[in-house]
Amino acid sequence: MITTSTTLDEAFERLSAAGFELPNGFINHGPMACEVLAAVGCDEAIEGWAWRFARTGGTAVEPVAPVDFEWESELGNYRRLPEWIGYFERSIAEFGWPTVVEVWVPRLMPSLSVALFHAAIRSAHAVRAVDAVDTEPRKAELARALGYWAARFEPGEAAAAEVQDLAEGADIRLAVVGAAADGARRYLTRPNILNLHGVTGAMAVEIFVGHIPEPAAIAGLAQVRAEHRALYVGTRPTEAPEEAGIDPADLISTAERSGDPHQVKLVEACMRGSRAAGDPAFAAAAETVTLGR
């Protein structure tokens, strides 16, 4: 359950002065990590994490009210990131964040894997935050996340034929979780940073499923499967993950103390996946990322 305190709002405000990409080219994980800490009840850790990522977050990007802005021609134009953020701020204010998410996540889904899934992941965490508590800092974070995704837009793998096995009336969310579980099994075979993001990227789509139309959710599942096909080529899934022997609360504490946003994000995603589907691969992956097993 996501906290309703102001701690996360304050973190988002602080992190809005940081850049999206670090000087070394890596992604600023601060907003995502802070939202996850809120989701797992680690409010006391959020401020420290926010300060750390705000200090190392690269050059700030301020929103600019767009003029003569045709979104179709500006998708993927990173030079217009300030205007993209301004565009989404204006759209959220005018139409409400649920409508903006319903319209824009399907448009951006073909670019699910851009920036190693981080644009989609940040957007999903922002959606979950504002869905829990509708505040101005959370709406501003959603505008920034969607703006980054749109500015970095680049179509990924072709996904048209990836859901032919989906039965009519199937639970799309559960199917997405199933794809994430398959990613977790491949992460267990090769526990590296690339394979980790196949899991957190799929579980970002799991968050989106409840906020977009069913055809778009099916397209999201198709995109997950297509990206996984490319990401995990040559990596066979672990067939029988070892049973988890660590309490999830202990894994959360270990991940939080590590200071590593990837640990925090994967543990939370795996906890969510495990609750939804009960697949032991999730718990095993959470133990692997925190304990190195």
C-alpha atoms as a PDB file:
ATOM      1  CA  MET A   1       0.000   0.000   0.000  1.00  0.00           C
ATOM      2  CA  ILE A   2       1.422   3.393  -1.000  1.00  0.00           C
ATOM      3  CA  THR A   3       1.899   5.944   1.743  1.00  0.00           C
ATOM      4  CA  THR A   4      -0.380   8.974   1.895  1.00  0.00           C
ATOM      5  CA  SER A   5       2.173  11.123   3.753  1.00  0.00           C
ATOM      6  CA  THR A   6       3.817  14.137   2.132  1.00  0.00           C
ATOM      7  CA  THR A   7       7.251  12.503   2.142  1.00  0.00           C
ATOM      8  CA  LEU A   8       7.015  11.258  -1.427  1.00  0.00           C
ATOM      9  CA  ASP A   9       5.594  14.577  -2.633  1.00  0.00           C
ATOM     10  CA  GLU A  10       8.569  16.377  -1.100  1.00  0.00           C
ATOM     11  CA  ALA A  11      10.941  13.915  -2.744  1.00  0.00           C
ATOM     12  CA  PHE A  12       9.355  14.472  -6.150  1.00  0.00           C
ATOM     13  CA  GLU A  13       9.664  18.238  -5.699  1.00  0.00           C
ATOM     14  CA  ARG A  14      13.314  17.940  -4.762  1.00  0.00           C
ATOM     15  CA  LEU A  15      14.077  15.561  -7.624  1.00  0.00           C
ATOM     16  CA  SER A  16      12.355  17.814 -10.162  1.00  0.00           C
ATOM     17  CA  ALA A  17      15.489  19.967  -9.972  1.00  0.00           C
ATOM     18  CA  ALA A  18      17.622  17.024 -11.102  1.00  0.00           C
ATOM     19  CA  GLY A  19      18.194  15.815 -14.638  1.00  0.00           C
ATOM     20  CA  PHE A  20      16.831  12.665 -16.214  1.00  0.00           C
ATOM     21  CA  GLU A  21      20.206  11.294 -17.207  1.00  0.00           C
ATOM     22  CA  LEU A  22      23.415  11.344 -15.194  1.00  0.00           C
ATOM     23  CA  PRO A  23      26.665  12.811 -16.524  1.00  0.00           C
ATOM     24  CA  ASN A  24      27.896   9.255 -17.177  1.00  0.00           C
ATOM     25  CA  GLY A  25      24.886   8.581 -19.401  1.00  0.00           C
ATOM     26  CA  PHE A  26      23.030   6.418 -16.891  1.00  0.00           C
ATOM     27  CA  ILE A  27      19.440   7.092 -15.856  1.00  0.00           C
ATOM     28  CA  ASN A  28      18.546   9.033 -12.717  1.00  0.00           C
ATOM     29  CA  HIS A  29      16.694   6.406 -10.691  1.00  0.00           C
ATOM     30  CA  GLY A  30      15.754   8.743  -7.847  1.00  0.00           C
ATOM     31  CA  PRO A  31      12.030   9.278  -8.571  1.00  0.00           C
ATOM     32  CA  MET A  32      11.429   5.583  -9.258  1.00  0.00           C
ATOM     33  CA  ALA A  33      13.309   4.425  -6.179  1.00  0.00           C
ATOM     34  CA  CYS A  34      11.560   6.913  -3.901  1.00  0.00           C
ATOM     35  CA  GLU A  35       8.133   5.843  -5.158  1.00  0.00           C
ATOM     36  CA  VAL A  36       9.022   2.198  -4.527  1.00  0.00           C
ATOM     37  CA  LEU A  37      10.229   2.990  -1.011  1.00  0.00           C
ATOM     38  CA  ALA A  38       6.877   4.651  -0.388  1.00  0.00           C
ATOM     39  CA  ALA A  39       5.042   1.646  -1.813  1.00  0.00           C
ATOM     40  CA  VAL A  40       6.775  -0.767   0.574  1.00  0.00           C
ATOM     41  CA  GLY A  41       6.414   1.455   3.626  1.00  0.00           C
ATOM     42  CA  CYS A  42       9.987   2.731   3.935  1.00  0.00           C
ATOM     43  CA  ASP A  43       9.038   6.388   4.330  1.00  0.00           C
ATOM     44  CA  GLU A  44      11.911   7.078   6.671  1.00  0.00           C
ATOM     45  CA  ALA A  45      14.422   6.296   3.924  1.00  0.00           C
ATOM     46  CA  ILE A  46      12.884   8.437   1.176  1.00  0.00           C
ATOM     47  CA  GLU A  47      14.387  11.796   2.128  1.00  0.00           C
ATOM     48  CA  GLY A  48      17.949  10.489   2.148  1.00  0.00           C
ATOM     49  CA  TRP A  49      17.516   8.780  -1.194  1.00  0.00           C
ATOM     50  CA  ALA A  50      15.966  11.913  -2.698  1.00  0.00           C
ATOM     51  CA  TRP A  51      18.809  14.120  -1.536  1.00  0.00           C
ATOM     52  CA  ARG A  52      21.404  11.687  -2.900  1.00  0.00           C
ATOM     53  CA  PHE A  53      19.863  11.437  -6.349  1.00  0.00           C
ATOM     54  CA  ALA A  54      19.096  15.166  -6.502  1.00  0.00           C
ATOM     55  CA  ARG A  55      22.786  15.941  -5.943  1.00  0.00           C
ATOM     56  CA  THR A  56      24.004  13.555  -8.647  1.00  0.00           C
ATOM     57  CA  GLY A  57      21.153  13.921 -11.081  1.00  0.00           C
ATOM     58  CA  GLY A  58      22.704  15.984 -13.875  1.00  0.00           C
ATOM     59  CA  THR A  59      21.358  19.206 -15.350  1.00  0.00           C
ATOM     60  CA  ALA A  60      17.811  20.162 -14.432  1.00  0.00           C
ATOM     61  CA  VAL A  61      15.156  20.350 -17.159  1.00  0.00           C
ATOM     62  CA  GLU A  62      12.516  23.031 -16.640  1.00  0.00           C
ATOM     63  CA  PRO A  63       9.117  22.739 -18.353  1.00  0.00           C
ATOM     64  CA  VAL A  64       8.429  25.132 -21.214  1.00  0.00           C
ATOM     65  CA  ALA A  65       4.957  25.954 -22.482  1.00  0.00           C
ATOM     66  CA  PRO A  66       4.973  24.542 -26.022  1.00  0.00           C
ATOM     67  CA  VAL A  67       4.279  26.787 -28.999  1.00  0.00           C
ATOM     68  CA  ASP A  68       3.536  25.401 -32.476  1.00  0.00           C
ATOM     69  CA  PHE A  69       3.972  21.919 -31.033  1.00  0.00           C
ATOM     70  CA  GLU A  70       2.749  19.056 -33.232  1.00  0.00           C
ATOM     71  CA  TRP A  71       3.248  15.949 -31.153  1.00  0.00           C
ATOM     72  CA  GLU A  72       3.300  13.476 -34.065  1.00  0.00           C
ATOM     73  CA  SER A  73       6.354  15.128 -35.596  1.00  0.00           C
ATOM     74  CA  GLU A  74       8.107  15.686 -32.247  1.00  0.00           C
ATOM     75  CA  LEU A  75       8.051  12.123 -30.914  1.00  0.00           C
ATOM     76  CA  GLY A  76      11.645  11.148 -30.209  1.00  0.00           C
ATOM     77  CA  ASN A  77      12.955  14.716 -30.406  1.00  0.00           C
ATOM     78  CA  TYR A  78      14.958  14.945 -27.193  1.00  0.00           C
ATOM     79  CA  ARG A  79      15.890  18.557 -27.826  1.00  0.00           C
ATOM     80  CA  ARG A  80      12.266  19.426 -27.139  1.00  0.00           C
ATOM     81  CA  LEU A  81      12.128  17.647 -23.775  1.00  0.00           C
ATOM     82  CA  PRO A  82      11.254  20.894 -21.903  1.00  0.00           C
ATOM     83  CA  GLU A  83       8.301  21.403 -24.248  1.00  0.00           C
ATOM     84  CA  TRP A  84       7.211  17.792 -23.916  1.00  0.00           C
ATOM     85  CA  ILE A  85       7.070  18.227 -20.146  1.00  0.00           C
ATOM     86  CA  GLY A  86       5.140  21.459 -20.578  1.00  0.00           C
ATOM     87  CA  TYR A  87       2.788  19.737 -23.007  1.00  0.00           C
ATOM     88  CA  PHE A  88       1.961  17.029 -20.479  1.00  0.00           C
ATOM     89  CA  GLU A  89       1.610  19.497 -17.618  1.00  0.00           C
ATOM     90  CA  ARG A  90      -0.944  21.412 -19.673  1.00  0.00           C
ATOM     91  CA  SER A  91      -2.739  18.241 -20.790  1.00  0.00           C
ATOM     92  CA  ILE A  92      -2.996  16.883 -17.250  1.00  0.00           C
ATOM     93  CA  ALA A  93      -4.348  20.221 -16.011  1.00  0.00           C
ATOM     94  CA  GLU A  94      -6.898  20.394 -18.834  1.00  0.00           C
ATOM     95  CA  PHE A  95      -8.060  16.796 -19.167  1.00  0.00           C
ATOM     96  CA  GLY A  96      -7.024  15.124 -15.911  1.00  0.00           C
ATOM     97  CA  TRP A  97      -4.235  12.627 -15.420  1.00  0.00           C
ATOM     98  CA  PRO A  98      -6.372   9.468 -15.973  1.00  0.00           C
ATOM     99  CA  THR A  99      -7.372  10.632 -19.458  1.00  0.00           C
ATOM    100  CA  VAL A 100      -3.807  11.570 -20.341  1.00  0.00           C
ATOM    101  CA  VAL A 101      -2.568   8.150 -19.245  1.00  0.00           C
ATOM    102  CA  GLU A 102      -5.380   6.383 -21.091  1.00  0.00           C
ATOM    103  CA  VAL A 103      -4.497   8.196 -24.322  1.00  0.00           C
ATOM    104  CA  TRP A 104      -0.736   8.452 -24.108  1.00  0.00           C
ATOM    105  CA  VAL A 105       0.514   5.195 -22.645  1.00  0.00           C
ATOM    106  CA  PRO A 106      -0.821   3.247 -25.660  1.00  0.00           C
ATOM    107  CA  ARG A 107       0.845   5.759 -27.994  1.00  0.00           C
ATOM    108  CA  LEU A 108       4.172   5.354 -26.233  1.00  0.00           C
ATOM    109  CA  MET A 109       4.010   1.593 -25.647  1.00  0.00           C
ATOM    110  CA  PRO A 110       5.821   0.692 -28.917  1.00  0.00           C
ATOM    111  CA  SER A 111       8.814   2.386 -27.288  1.00  0.00           C
ATOM    112  CA  LEU A 112       8.575   0.272 -24.133  1.00  0.00           C
ATOM    113  CA  SER A 113      12.241  -0.699 -24.108  1.00  0.00           C
ATOM    114  CA  VAL A 114      13.761   2.713 -24.844  1.00  0.00           C
ATOM    115  CA  ALA A 115      16.437   3.757 -22.327  1.00  0.00           C
ATOM    116  CA  LEU A 116      16.484   0.150 -21.096  1.00  0.00           C
ATOM    117  CA  PHE A 117      12.780   0.336 -20.148  1.00  0.00           C
ATOM    118  CA  HIS A 118      13.408   3.255 -17.772  1.00  0.00           C
ATOM    119  CA  ALA A 119      11.107   5.782 -19.461  1.00  0.00           C
ATOM    120  CA  ALA A 120       8.192   3.373 -19.151  1.00  0.00           C
ATOM    121  CA  ILE A 121       9.183   2.278 -15.649  1.00  0.00           C
ATOM    122  CA  ARG A 122       9.383   5.863 -14.387  1.00  0.00           C
ATOM    123  CA  SER A 123       6.017   6.628 -15.967  1.00  0.00           C
ATOM    124  CA  ALA A 124       4.433   3.560 -14.369  1.00  0.00           C
ATOM    125  CA  HIS A 125       5.686   4.466 -10.914  1.00  0.00           C
ATOM    126  CA  ALA A 126       4.377   8.002 -11.395  1.00  0.00           C
ATOM    127  CA  VAL A 127       0.974   6.598 -12.383  1.00  0.00           C
ATOM    128  CA  ARG A 128       0.873   4.440  -9.275  1.00  0.00           C
ATOM    129  CA  ALA A 129       1.843   7.384  -7.082  1.00  0.00           C
ATOM    130  CA  VAL A 130      -0.803   9.770  -8.404  1.00  0.00           C
ATOM    131  CA  ASP A 131      -3.408   7.019  -8.440  1.00  0.00           C
ATOM    132  CA  ALA A 132      -2.818   6.577  -4.713  1.00  0.00           C
ATOM    133  CA  VAL A 133      -2.895  10.283  -3.864  1.00  0.00           C
ATOM    134  CA  ASP A 134      -3.759  12.970  -6.418  1.00  0.00           C
ATOM    135  CA  THR A 135      -1.399  15.834  -5.557  1.00  0.00           C
ATOM    136  CA  GLU A 136       0.360  18.491  -7.591  1.00  0.00           C
ATOM    137  CA  PRO A 137       3.885  17.070  -7.063  1.00  0.00           C
ATOM    138  CA  ARG A 138       2.733  13.648  -8.214  1.00  0.00           C
ATOM    139  CA  LYS A 139       1.020  15.049 -11.296  1.00  0.00           C
ATOM    140  CA  ALA A 140       4.167  17.048 -12.055  1.00  0.00           C
ATOM    141  CA  GLU A 141       6.244  13.869 -11.773  1.00  0.00           C
ATOM    142  CA  LEU A 142       3.848  12.112 -14.168  1.00  0.00           C
ATOM    143  CA  ALA A 143       4.248  14.963 -16.668  1.00  0.00           C
ATOM    144  CA  ARG A 144       8.030  14.714 -16.404  1.00  0.00           C
ATOM    145  CA  ALA A 145       8.031  10.948 -16.802  1.00  0.00           C
ATOM    146  CA  LEU A 146       5.717  10.937 -19.815  1.00  0.00           C
ATOM    147  CA  GLY A 147       7.634  13.856 -21.296  1.00  0.00           C
ATOM    148  CA  TYR A 148      10.883  11.929 -21.043  1.00  0.00           C
ATOM    149  CA  TRP A 149       9.304   8.830 -22.601  1.00  0.00           C
ATOM    150  CA  ALA A 150       7.913  10.862 -25.511  1.00  0.00           C
ATOM    151  CA  ALA A 151      11.160  12.789 -26.050  1.00  0.00           C
ATOM    152  CA  ARG A 152      13.197   9.560 -26.084  1.00  0.00           C
ATOM    153  CA  PHE A 153      10.588   7.700 -28.155  1.00  0.00           C
ATOM    154  CA  GLU A 154      12.072   5.069 -30.435  1.00  0.00           C
ATOM    155  CA  PRO A 155      10.063   2.087 -31.685  1.00  0.00           C
ATOM    156  CA  GLY A 156      11.283  -1.226 -30.354  1.00  0.00           C
ATOM    157  CA  GLU A 157      10.626  -4.766 -31.492  1.00  0.00           C
ATOM    158  CA  ALA A 158       7.705  -5.518 -33.803  1.00  0.00           C
ATOM    159  CA  ALA A 159       4.941  -6.945 -31.635  1.00  0.00           C
ATOM    160  CA  ALA A 160       1.996  -7.645 -33.938  1.00  0.00           C
ATOM    161  CA  ALA A 161       2.029 -11.452 -33.689  1.00  0.00           C
ATOM    162  CA  GLU A 162       2.897 -11.849 -30.011  1.00  0.00           C
ATOM    163  CA  VAL A 163      -0.540 -12.564 -28.497  1.00  0.00           C
ATOM    164  CA  GLN A 164      -2.047 -15.103 -30.852  1.00  0.00           C
ATOM    165  CA  ASP A 165      -2.267 -17.623 -27.993  1.00  0.00           C
ATOM    166  CA  LEU A 166      -4.314 -15.298 -25.795  1.00  0.00           C
ATOM    167  CA  ALA A 167      -7.747 -16.774 -25.164  1.00  0.00           C
ATOM    168  CA  GLU A 168     -10.831 -14.607 -25.367  1.00  0.00           C
ATOM    169  CA  GLY A 169     -11.651 -13.160 -21.963  1.00  0.00           C
ATOM    170  CA  ALA A 170      -8.170 -13.873 -20.604  1.00  0.00           C
ATOM    171  CA  ASP A 171      -6.844 -11.925 -17.627  1.00  0.00           C
ATOM    172  CA  ILE A 172      -4.438  -9.533 -19.364  1.00  0.00           C
ATOM    173  CA  ARG A 173      -2.816  -8.405 -16.149  1.00  0.00           C
ATOM    174  CA  LEU A 174      -2.101 -11.987 -15.127  1.00  0.00           C
ATOM    175  CA  ALA A 175      -0.673 -12.683 -18.582  1.00  0.00           C
ATOM    176  CA  VAL A 176       1.691  -9.721 -18.195  1.00  0.00           C
ATOM    177  CA  VAL A 177       2.743 -11.036 -14.788  1.00  0.00           C
ATOM    178  CA  GLY A 178       3.356 -14.399 -16.433  1.00  0.00           C
ATOM    179  CA  ALA A 179       5.677 -12.744 -18.932  1.00  0.00           C
ATOM    180  CA  ALA A 180       7.479 -11.055 -16.042  1.00  0.00           C
ATOM    181  CA  ALA A 181       7.844 -14.439 -14.308  1.00  0.00           C
ATOM    182  CA  ASP A 182       9.431 -15.861 -17.441  1.00  0.00           C
ATOM    183  CA  GLY A 183      11.800 -12.890 -17.390  1.00  0.00           C
ATOM    184  CA  ALA A 184      12.603 -13.637 -13.741  1.00  0.00           C
ATOM    185  CA  ARG A 185      13.499 -17.224 -14.663  1.00  0.00           C
ATOM    186  CA  ARG A 186      15.875 -15.962 -17.343  1.00  0.00           C
ATOM    187  CA  TYR A 187      17.322 -13.429 -14.930  1.00  0.00           C
ATOM    188  CA  LEU A 188      18.027 -16.338 -12.565  1.00  0.00           C
ATOM    189  CA  THR A 189      19.974 -18.047 -15.350  1.00  0.00           C
ATOM    190  CA  ARG A 190      21.971 -14.884 -16.060  1.00  0.00           C
ATOM    191  CA  PRO A 191      21.533 -12.402 -13.200  1.00  0.00           C
ATOM    192  CA  ASN A 192      22.825  -9.261 -14.868  1.00  0.00           C
ATOM    193  CA  ILE A 193      21.554  -5.703 -15.116  1.00  0.00           C
ATOM    194  CA  LEU A 194      20.109  -6.131 -18.605  1.00  0.00           C
ATOM    195  CA  ASN A 195      18.072  -9.192 -17.723  1.00  0.00           C
ATOM    196  CA  LEU A 196      16.857  -7.530 -14.532  1.00  0.00           C
ATOM    197  CA  HIS A 197      15.162  -4.794 -16.532  1.00  0.00           C
ATOM    198  CA  GLY A 198      13.100  -7.287 -18.475  1.00  0.00           C
ATOM    199  CA  VAL A 199      11.361  -8.071 -15.191  1.00  0.00           C
ATOM    200  CA  THR A 200      10.877  -4.509 -13.944  1.00  0.00           C
ATOM    201  CA  GLY A 201       9.869  -3.393 -17.440  1.00  0.00           C
ATOM    202  CA  ALA A 202       7.159  -6.043 -17.635  1.00  0.00           C
ATOM    203  CA  MET A 203       5.913  -5.181 -14.161  1.00  0.00           C
ATOM    204  CA  ALA A 204       5.685  -1.538 -15.230  1.00  0.00           C
ATOM    205  CA  VAL A 205       3.192  -2.663 -17.873  1.00  0.00           C
ATOM    206  CA  GLU A 206       1.344  -4.528 -15.103  1.00  0.00           C
ATOM    207  CA  ILE A 207       0.765  -1.154 -13.431  1.00  0.00           C
ATOM    208  CA  PHE A 208      -0.484   0.381 -16.675  1.00  0.00           C
ATOM    209  CA  VAL A 209      -3.010  -2.392 -17.381  1.00  0.00           C
ATOM    210  CA  GLY A 210      -5.629  -0.979 -15.043  1.00  0.00           C
ATOM    211  CA  HIS A 211      -5.384   2.488 -16.586  1.00  0.00           C
ATOM    212  CA  ILE A 212      -5.610   1.821 -20.331  1.00  0.00           C
ATOM    213  CA  PRO A 213      -8.265   0.242 -22.592  1.00  0.00           C
ATOM    214  CA  GLU A 214      -8.202  -3.537 -22.975  1.00  0.00           C
ATOM    215  CA  PRO A 215      -6.923  -3.493 -26.602  1.00  0.00           C
ATOM    216  CA  ALA A 216      -4.050  -1.277 -25.464  1.00  0.00           C
ATOM    217  CA  ALA A 217      -3.338  -3.626 -22.555  1.00  0.00           C
ATOM    218  CA  ILE A 218      -3.165  -6.539 -24.993  1.00  0.00           C
ATOM    219  CA  ALA A 219      -0.792  -4.505 -27.149  1.00  0.00           C
ATOM    220  CA  GLY A 220       1.286  -3.865 -24.032  1.00  0.00           C
ATOM    221  CA  LEU A 221       1.499  -7.601 -23.362  1.00  0.00           C
ATOM    222  CA  ALA A 222       2.527  -8.117 -26.984  1.00  0.00           C
ATOM    223  CA  GLN A 223       5.244  -5.515 -26.641  1.00  0.00           C
ATOM    224  CA  VAL A 224       6.571  -7.125 -23.460  1.00  0.00           C
ATOM    225  CA  ARG A 225       6.783 -10.501 -25.163  1.00  0.00           C
ATOM    226  CA  ALA A 226       8.467  -9.037 -28.234  1.00  0.00           C
ATOM    227  CA  GLU A 227      11.054  -7.166 -26.173  1.00  0.00           C
ATOM    228  CA  HIS A 228      11.717 -10.243 -24.062  1.00  0.00           C
ATOM    229  CA  ARG A 229      12.221 -12.334 -27.171  1.00  0.00           C
ATOM    230  CA  ALA A 230      15.030  -9.984 -28.197  1.00  0.00           C
ATOM    231  CA  LEU A 231      16.439  -9.341 -24.719  1.00  0.00           C
ATOM    232  CA  TYR A 232      16.626 -12.961 -23.643  1.00  0.00           C
ATOM    233  CA  VAL A 233      17.732 -14.544 -26.920  1.00  0.00           C
ATOM    234  CA  GLY A 234      19.965 -17.487 -26.093  1.00  0.00           C
ATOM    235  CA  THR A 235      19.082 -17.438 -22.382  1.00  0.00           C
ATOM    236  CA  ARG A 236      17.080 -20.446 -21.247  1.00  0.00           C
ATOM    237  CA  PRO A 237      14.802 -19.983 -18.231  1.00  0.00           C
ATOM    238  CA  THR A 238      15.637 -21.606 -14.925  1.00  0.00           C
ATOM    239  CA  GLU A 239      13.155 -24.447 -14.745  1.00  0.00           C
ATOM    240  CA  ALA A 240      13.066 -25.058 -10.977  1.00  0.00           C
ATOM    241  CA  PRO A 241      13.912 -21.952  -8.940  1.00  0.00           C
ATOM    242  CA  GLU A 242      15.026 -22.665  -5.389  1.00  0.00           C
ATOM    243  CA  GLU A 243      12.385 -21.994  -2.788  1.00  0.00           C
ATOM    244  CA  ALA A 244      12.796 -18.652  -1.084  1.00  0.00           C
ATOM    245  CA  GLY A 245      13.987 -18.838   2.492  1.00  0.00           C
ATOM    246  CA  ILE A 246      13.994 -15.143   3.382  1.00  0.00           C
ATOM    247  CA  ASP A 247      11.053 -13.103   4.633  1.00  0.00           C
ATOM    248  CA  PRO A 248      10.090 -10.435   2.053  1.00  0.00           C
ATOM    249  CA  ALA A 249      10.315  -7.738   4.735  1.00  0.00           C
ATOM    250  CA  ASP A 250      13.944  -8.687   5.316  1.00  0.00           C
ATOM    251  CA  LEU A 251      14.645  -8.504   1.595  1.00  0.00           C
ATOM    252  CA  ILE A 252      13.130  -5.018   1.474  1.00  0.00           C
ATOM    253  CA  SER A 253      15.289  -3.915   4.392  1.00  0.00           C
ATOM    254  CA  THR A 254      18.393  -5.379   2.770  1.00  0.00           C
ATOM    255  CA  ALA A 255      17.628  -3.693  -0.537  1.00  0.00           C
ATOM    256  CA  GLU A 256      16.950  -0.336   1.134  1.00  0.00           C
ATOM    257  CA  ARG A 257      20.221  -0.468   3.085  1.00  0.00           C
ATOM    258  CA  SER A 258      22.150  -1.303  -0.085  1.00  0.00           C
ATOM    259  CA  GLY A 259      21.448   2.108  -1.581  1.00  0.00           C
ATOM    260  CA  ASP A 260      21.033   0.345  -4.930  1.00  0.00           C
ATOM    261  CA  PRO A 261      17.839   1.401  -6.738  1.00  0.00           C
ATOM    262  CA  HIS A 262      17.888  -1.732  -8.873  1.00  0.00           C
ATOM    263  CA  GLN A 263      17.640  -3.901  -5.790  1.00  0.00           C
ATOM    264  CA  VAL A 264      14.757  -1.875  -4.389  1.00  0.00           C
ATOM    265  CA  LYS A 265      12.872  -1.826  -7.679  1.00  0.00           C
ATOM    266  CA  LEU A 266      13.308  -5.514  -8.462  1.00  0.00           C
ATOM    267  CA  VAL A 267      12.398  -6.687  -4.970  1.00  0.00           C
ATOM    268  CA  GLU A 268       9.176  -4.652  -5.004  1.00  0.00           C
ATOM    269  CA  ALA A 269       8.300  -5.797  -8.538  1.00  0.00           C
ATOM    270  CA  CYS A 270       8.907  -9.418  -7.558  1.00  0.00           C
ATOM    271  CA  MET A 271       6.793  -9.081  -4.416  1.00  0.00           C
ATOM    272  CA  ARG A 272       3.973  -7.713  -6.568  1.00  0.00           C
ATOM    273  CA  GLY A 273       4.382 -10.482  -9.116  1.00  0.00           C
ATOM    274  CA  SER A 274       4.475 -13.143  -6.432  1.00  0.00           C
ATOM    275  CA  ARG A 275       1.241 -11.857  -4.864  1.00  0.00           C
ATOM    276  CA  ALA A 276      -0.468 -11.904  -8.249  1.00  0.00           C
ATOM    277  CA  ALA A 277       0.709 -15.268  -9.549  1.00  0.00           C
ATOM    278  CA  GLY A 278       2.571 -17.131  -6.816  1.00  0.00           C
ATOM    279  CA  ASP A 279       5.385 -18.085  -9.181  1.00  0.00           C
ATOM    280  CA  PRO A 280       8.485 -19.025  -7.114  1.00  0.00           C
ATOM    281  CA  ALA A 281      10.737 -17.386  -9.703  1.00  0.00           C
ATOM    282  CA  PHE A 282       9.816 -13.980  -8.304  1.00  0.00           C
ATOM    283  CA  ALA A 283      10.952 -14.742  -4.760  1.00  0.00           C
ATOM    284  CA  ALA A 284      14.105 -16.400  -6.059  1.00  0.00           C
ATOM    285  CA  ALA A 285      14.933 -13.381  -8.207  1.00  0.00           C
ATOM    286  CA  ALA A 286      14.375 -11.046  -5.250  1.00  0.00           C
ATOM    287  CA  GLU A 287      16.772 -13.111  -3.147  1.00  0.00           C
ATOM    288  CA  THR A 288      19.312 -13.222  -5.961  1.00  0.00           C
ATOM    289  CA  VAL A 289      19.449  -9.465  -6.467  1.00  0.00           C
ATOM    290  CA  THR A 290      19.779  -8.737  -2.751  1.00  0.00           C
ATOM    291  CA  LEU A 291      21.883 -11.652  -1.531  1.00  0.00           C
ATOM    292  CA  GLY A 292      23.791 -12.564  -4.688  1.00  0.00           C
ATOM    293  CA  ARG A 293      22.492 -16.140  -4.770  1.00  0.00           C
END
